[in-house]
């Protein structure tokens, strides 16, 4: 889901369609995937996923945009260090 979101923001057609299909396969719901891709803050997903998506959005604009408050909010929402790491590393590995 996070990869579909970031790929959509990045604008790479191949990645956004392939990650969208993968997220649909895992979630079984294109409407949910698209809600996250286009307006994650109002999408019907958990606060944990919303917080990870917020981190991913900032990482995409530049890793320095992620604040300690962002990390704390994600942790409060239930995100683990591994999930935060994967959220940040996943984008950095696939950018460009």
N, C-alpha and C. Protein backbone atom coordinates (compact mmCIF):
# COMPACT_ATOMS: atom_id res chain seq x y z
N UNK A 1 0.82 -1.19 0.00
CA UNK A 1 0.00 0.00 0.00
C UNK A 1 0.87 1.26 0.00
N UNK A 2 1.91 1.24 0.83
CA UNK A 2 2.79 2.41 0.89
C UNK A 2 3.51 2.59 -0.44
N UNK A 3 3.94 1.50 -1.06
CA UNK A 3 4.62 1.61 -2.36
C UNK A 3 3.67 2.16 -3.42
N UNK A 4 2.42 1.77 -3.40
CA UNK A 4 1.44 2.30 -4.36
C UNK A 4 1.26 3.80 -4.15
N UNK A 5 1.20 4.22 -2.90
CA UNK A 5 1.05 5.63 -2.56
C UNK A 5 2.25 6.45 -3.03
N UNK A 6 3.45 6.01 -2.68
CA UNK A 6 4.65 6.76 -3.04
C UNK A 6 4.85 6.77 -4.55
N UNK A 7 4.61 5.64 -5.20
CA UNK A 7 4.77 5.57 -6.66
C UNK A 7 3.82 6.51 -7.38
N UNK A 8 2.62 6.64 -6.84
CA UNK A 8 1.65 7.57 -7.43
C UNK A 8 2.15 9.00 -7.29
N UNK A 9 2.66 9.33 -6.12
CA UNK A 9 3.18 10.69 -5.90
C UNK A 9 4.41 10.96 -6.76
N UNK A 10 5.18 9.91 -6.99
CA UNK A 10 6.39 10.05 -7.80
C UNK A 10 6.06 10.21 -9.28
N UNK A 11 4.96 9.61 -9.71
CA UNK A 11 4.51 9.78 -11.09
C UNK A 11 5.01 8.74 -12.07
N UNK A 12 5.65 7.69 -11.60
CA UNK A 12 6.13 6.65 -12.49
C UNK A 12 4.97 5.70 -12.81
N UNK A 13 4.51 5.71 -14.05
CA UNK A 13 3.35 4.93 -14.44
C UNK A 13 3.54 3.44 -14.17
N UNK A 14 4.68 2.89 -14.56
CA UNK A 14 4.91 1.46 -14.36
C UNK A 14 4.84 1.10 -12.89
N UNK A 15 5.54 1.85 -12.07
CA UNK A 15 5.57 1.51 -10.64
C UNK A 15 4.22 1.71 -9.98
N UNK A 16 3.55 2.80 -10.33
CA UNK A 16 2.26 3.03 -9.66
C UNK A 16 1.24 1.98 -10.06
N UNK A 17 1.24 1.53 -11.30
CA UNK A 17 0.27 0.51 -11.70
C UNK A 17 0.64 -0.87 -11.14
N UNK A 18 1.93 -1.18 -11.11
CA UNK A 18 2.32 -2.49 -10.57
C UNK A 18 2.13 -2.54 -9.05
N UNK A 19 2.47 -1.47 -8.35
CA UNK A 19 2.27 -1.46 -6.90
C UNK A 19 0.78 -1.40 -6.56
N UNK A 20 0.01 -0.71 -7.38
CA UNK A 20 -1.45 -0.68 -7.18
C UNK A 20 -2.02 -2.09 -7.30
N UNK A 21 -1.58 -2.81 -8.32
CA UNK A 21 -2.06 -4.18 -8.52
C UNK A 21 -1.64 -5.08 -7.35
N UNK A 22 -0.41 -4.91 -6.87
CA UNK A 22 0.06 -5.72 -5.75
C UNK A 22 -0.74 -5.39 -4.48
N UNK A 23 -0.99 -4.12 -4.24
CA UNK A 23 -1.77 -3.73 -3.06
C UNK A 23 -3.19 -4.27 -3.17
N UNK A 24 -3.76 -4.23 -4.37
CA UNK A 24 -5.09 -4.80 -4.57
C UNK A 24 -5.08 -6.29 -4.29
N UNK A 25 -4.07 -6.98 -4.76
CA UNK A 25 -3.95 -8.41 -4.52
C UNK A 25 -3.94 -8.72 -3.02
N UNK A 26 -3.22 -7.90 -2.26
CA UNK A 26 -3.13 -8.12 -0.82
C UNK A 26 -4.37 -7.65 -0.07
N UNK A 27 -4.98 -6.55 -0.52
CA UNK A 27 -6.13 -5.98 0.17
C UNK A 27 -7.47 -6.42 -0.41
N UNK A 28 -7.45 -6.78 -1.71
CA UNK A 28 -8.69 -7.21 -2.36
C UNK A 28 -9.67 -6.08 -2.63
N UNK A 29 -9.15 -4.86 -2.77
CA UNK A 29 -10.06 -3.73 -2.88
C UNK A 29 -9.37 -2.55 -3.59
N UNK A 30 -9.64 -2.41 -4.88
CA UNK A 30 -9.04 -1.29 -5.63
C UNK A 30 -9.51 0.05 -5.08
N UNK A 31 -10.75 0.14 -4.63
CA UNK A 31 -11.26 1.41 -4.12
C UNK A 31 -10.46 1.87 -2.90
N UNK A 32 -10.11 0.94 -2.04
CA UNK A 32 -9.31 1.29 -0.87
C UNK A 32 -7.91 1.72 -1.28
N UNK A 33 -7.31 0.97 -2.18
CA UNK A 33 -5.97 1.31 -2.67
C UNK A 33 -5.98 2.71 -3.28
N UNK A 34 -6.97 2.99 -4.11
CA UNK A 34 -7.05 4.31 -4.74
C UNK A 34 -7.34 5.42 -3.75
N UNK A 35 -8.14 5.12 -2.73
CA UNK A 35 -8.39 6.13 -1.69
C UNK A 35 -7.08 6.51 -1.00
N UNK A 36 -6.25 5.52 -0.73
CA UNK A 36 -4.95 5.79 -0.11
C UNK A 36 -4.06 6.56 -1.08
N UNK A 37 -4.04 6.14 -2.32
CA UNK A 37 -3.16 6.79 -3.31
C UNK A 37 -3.47 8.27 -3.48
N UNK A 38 -4.75 8.63 -3.45
CA UNK A 38 -5.14 10.00 -3.79
C UNK A 38 -5.43 10.88 -2.57
N UNK A 39 -5.80 10.30 -1.43
CA UNK A 39 -6.13 11.12 -0.25
C UNK A 39 -5.99 10.26 1.01
N UNK A 40 -4.77 9.91 1.33
CA UNK A 40 -4.55 8.97 2.44
C UNK A 40 -5.10 9.49 3.76
N UNK A 41 -5.10 10.80 3.96
CA UNK A 41 -5.55 11.34 5.23
C UNK A 41 -7.04 11.07 5.49
N UNK A 42 -7.81 10.93 4.43
CA UNK A 42 -9.24 10.65 4.57
C UNK A 42 -9.60 9.23 4.17
N UNK A 43 -8.62 8.42 3.83
CA UNK A 43 -8.87 7.04 3.43
C UNK A 43 -9.27 6.21 4.67
N UNK A 44 -10.10 5.19 4.47
CA UNK A 44 -10.53 4.36 5.60
C UNK A 44 -9.49 3.30 5.97
N UNK A 45 -8.35 3.78 6.47
CA UNK A 45 -7.28 2.89 6.92
C UNK A 45 -6.94 3.23 8.37
N UNK A 46 -6.14 2.39 8.98
CA UNK A 46 -5.80 2.55 10.39
C UNK A 46 -4.94 3.80 10.63
N UNK A 47 -5.02 4.34 11.83
CA UNK A 47 -4.13 5.46 12.17
C UNK A 47 -2.65 5.09 11.98
N UNK A 48 -2.31 3.84 12.25
CA UNK A 48 -0.93 3.40 12.05
C UNK A 48 -0.51 3.54 10.60
N UNK A 49 -1.33 3.07 9.67
CA UNK A 49 -0.98 3.18 8.26
C UNK A 49 -0.94 4.65 7.83
N UNK A 50 -1.88 5.45 8.30
CA UNK A 50 -1.86 6.87 7.97
C UNK A 50 -0.57 7.53 8.44
N UNK A 51 -0.12 7.16 9.63
CA UNK A 51 1.11 7.76 10.14
C UNK A 51 2.32 7.32 9.31
N UNK A 52 2.34 6.07 8.88
CA UNK A 52 3.44 5.60 8.02
C UNK A 52 3.38 6.27 6.65
N UNK A 53 2.19 6.48 6.13
CA UNK A 53 2.05 7.18 4.85
C UNK A 53 2.52 8.62 4.97
N UNK A 54 2.25 9.25 6.11
CA UNK A 54 2.72 10.63 6.33
C UNK A 54 4.25 10.67 6.33
N UNK A 55 4.86 9.68 6.96
CA UNK A 55 6.33 9.60 6.95
C UNK A 55 6.83 9.38 5.53
N UNK A 56 6.19 8.47 4.81
CA UNK A 56 6.60 8.18 3.43
C UNK A 56 6.49 9.43 2.55
N UNK A 57 5.44 10.19 2.74
CA UNK A 57 5.26 11.42 1.95
C UNK A 57 6.40 12.40 2.22
N UNK A 58 6.81 12.49 3.47
CA UNK A 58 7.91 13.41 3.80
C UNK A 58 9.24 12.88 3.27
N UNK A 59 9.47 11.59 3.38
CA UNK A 59 10.71 11.00 2.87
C UNK A 59 10.82 11.28 1.37
N UNK A 60 9.71 11.19 0.67
CA UNK A 60 9.73 11.43 -0.76
C UNK A 60 10.21 12.85 -1.09
N UNK A 61 9.84 13.79 -0.25
CA UNK A 61 10.26 15.19 -0.47
C UNK A 61 11.68 15.43 0.02
N UNK A 62 12.20 14.49 0.80
CA UNK A 62 13.56 14.61 1.34
C UNK A 62 13.58 14.08 2.75
N UNK A 63 14.49 13.18 3.02
CA UNK A 63 14.55 12.54 4.32
C UNK A 63 14.64 13.50 5.48
N UNK A 64 15.24 14.66 5.24
CA UNK A 64 15.37 15.66 6.30
C UNK A 64 14.03 16.25 6.71
N UNK A 65 13.00 16.03 5.91
CA UNK A 65 11.66 16.55 6.23
C UNK A 65 11.00 15.76 7.35
N UNK A 66 11.45 14.53 7.58
CA UNK A 66 10.88 13.71 8.64
C UNK A 66 11.38 14.21 9.99
N UNK A 67 10.45 14.52 10.88
CA UNK A 67 10.81 15.06 12.18
C UNK A 67 10.69 14.00 13.28
N UNK A 68 11.26 14.32 14.42
CA UNK A 68 11.10 13.44 15.58
C UNK A 68 9.63 13.30 15.94
N UNK A 69 8.87 14.37 15.75
CA UNK A 69 7.43 14.33 16.03
C UNK A 69 6.73 13.33 15.10
N UNK A 70 7.11 13.31 13.83
CA UNK A 70 6.52 12.34 12.89
C UNK A 70 6.76 10.91 13.36
N UNK A 71 7.99 10.66 13.79
CA UNK A 71 8.35 9.32 14.27
C UNK A 71 7.58 8.99 15.54
N UNK A 72 7.49 9.95 16.45
CA UNK A 72 6.76 9.73 17.70
C UNK A 72 5.28 9.46 17.43
N UNK A 73 4.68 10.21 16.51
CA UNK A 73 3.27 9.99 16.17
C UNK A 73 3.06 8.60 15.57
N UNK A 74 3.99 8.18 14.74
CA UNK A 74 3.87 6.85 14.15
C UNK A 74 4.00 5.77 15.22
N UNK A 75 4.91 5.96 16.12
CA UNK A 75 5.08 4.99 17.21
C UNK A 75 3.84 4.96 18.10
N UNK A 76 3.28 6.13 18.39
CA UNK A 76 2.06 6.19 19.20
C UNK A 76 0.90 5.47 18.51
N UNK A 77 0.91 5.49 17.18
CA UNK A 77 -0.15 4.82 16.41
C UNK A 77 0.11 3.32 16.28
N UNK A 78 1.25 2.86 16.79
CA UNK A 78 1.54 1.43 16.80
C UNK A 78 2.61 0.97 15.83
N UNK A 79 3.24 1.90 15.12
CA UNK A 79 4.30 1.52 14.18
C UNK A 79 5.55 1.09 14.93
N UNK A 80 6.15 0.03 14.44
CA UNK A 80 7.39 -0.46 15.04
C UNK A 80 8.59 0.21 14.36
N UNK A 81 9.74 0.07 14.98
CA UNK A 81 10.96 0.60 14.37
C UNK A 81 11.21 -0.05 13.01
N UNK A 82 10.93 -1.34 12.91
CA UNK A 82 11.12 -2.03 11.63
C UNK A 82 10.18 -1.47 10.56
N UNK A 83 8.94 -1.22 10.91
CA UNK A 83 8.00 -0.65 9.94
C UNK A 83 8.42 0.75 9.52
N UNK A 84 8.89 1.53 10.46
CA UNK A 84 9.38 2.87 10.11
C UNK A 84 10.61 2.77 9.21
N UNK A 85 11.51 1.89 9.55
CA UNK A 85 12.71 1.68 8.74
C UNK A 85 12.32 1.27 7.32
N UNK A 86 11.43 0.29 7.21
CA UNK A 86 11.03 -0.19 5.89
C UNK A 86 10.31 0.89 5.09
N UNK A 87 9.53 1.71 5.76
CA UNK A 87 8.83 2.81 5.09
C UNK A 87 9.83 3.79 4.49
N UNK A 88 10.84 4.12 5.25
CA UNK A 88 11.82 5.10 4.77
C UNK A 88 12.78 4.48 3.77
N UNK A 89 13.25 3.30 4.05
CA UNK A 89 14.22 2.66 3.16
C UNK A 89 13.57 2.25 1.84
N UNK A 90 12.33 1.82 1.91
CA UNK A 90 11.64 1.38 0.69
C UNK A 90 11.59 2.46 -0.37
N UNK A 91 11.31 3.68 0.05
CA UNK A 91 11.27 4.76 -0.94
C UNK A 91 12.68 5.07 -1.44
N UNK A 92 13.62 5.17 -0.55
CA UNK A 92 14.99 5.53 -0.96
C UNK A 92 15.57 4.51 -1.93
N UNK A 93 15.21 3.25 -1.76
CA UNK A 93 15.71 2.19 -2.63
C UNK A 93 15.09 2.27 -4.02
N UNK A 94 13.85 2.72 -4.13
CA UNK A 94 13.13 2.68 -5.40
C UNK A 94 12.97 4.03 -6.09
N UNK A 95 13.53 5.06 -5.54
CA UNK A 95 13.33 6.37 -6.18
C UNK A 95 14.06 6.46 -7.51
N UNK A 96 13.59 7.43 -8.29
CA UNK A 96 14.24 7.71 -9.56
C UNK A 96 13.98 6.72 -10.53
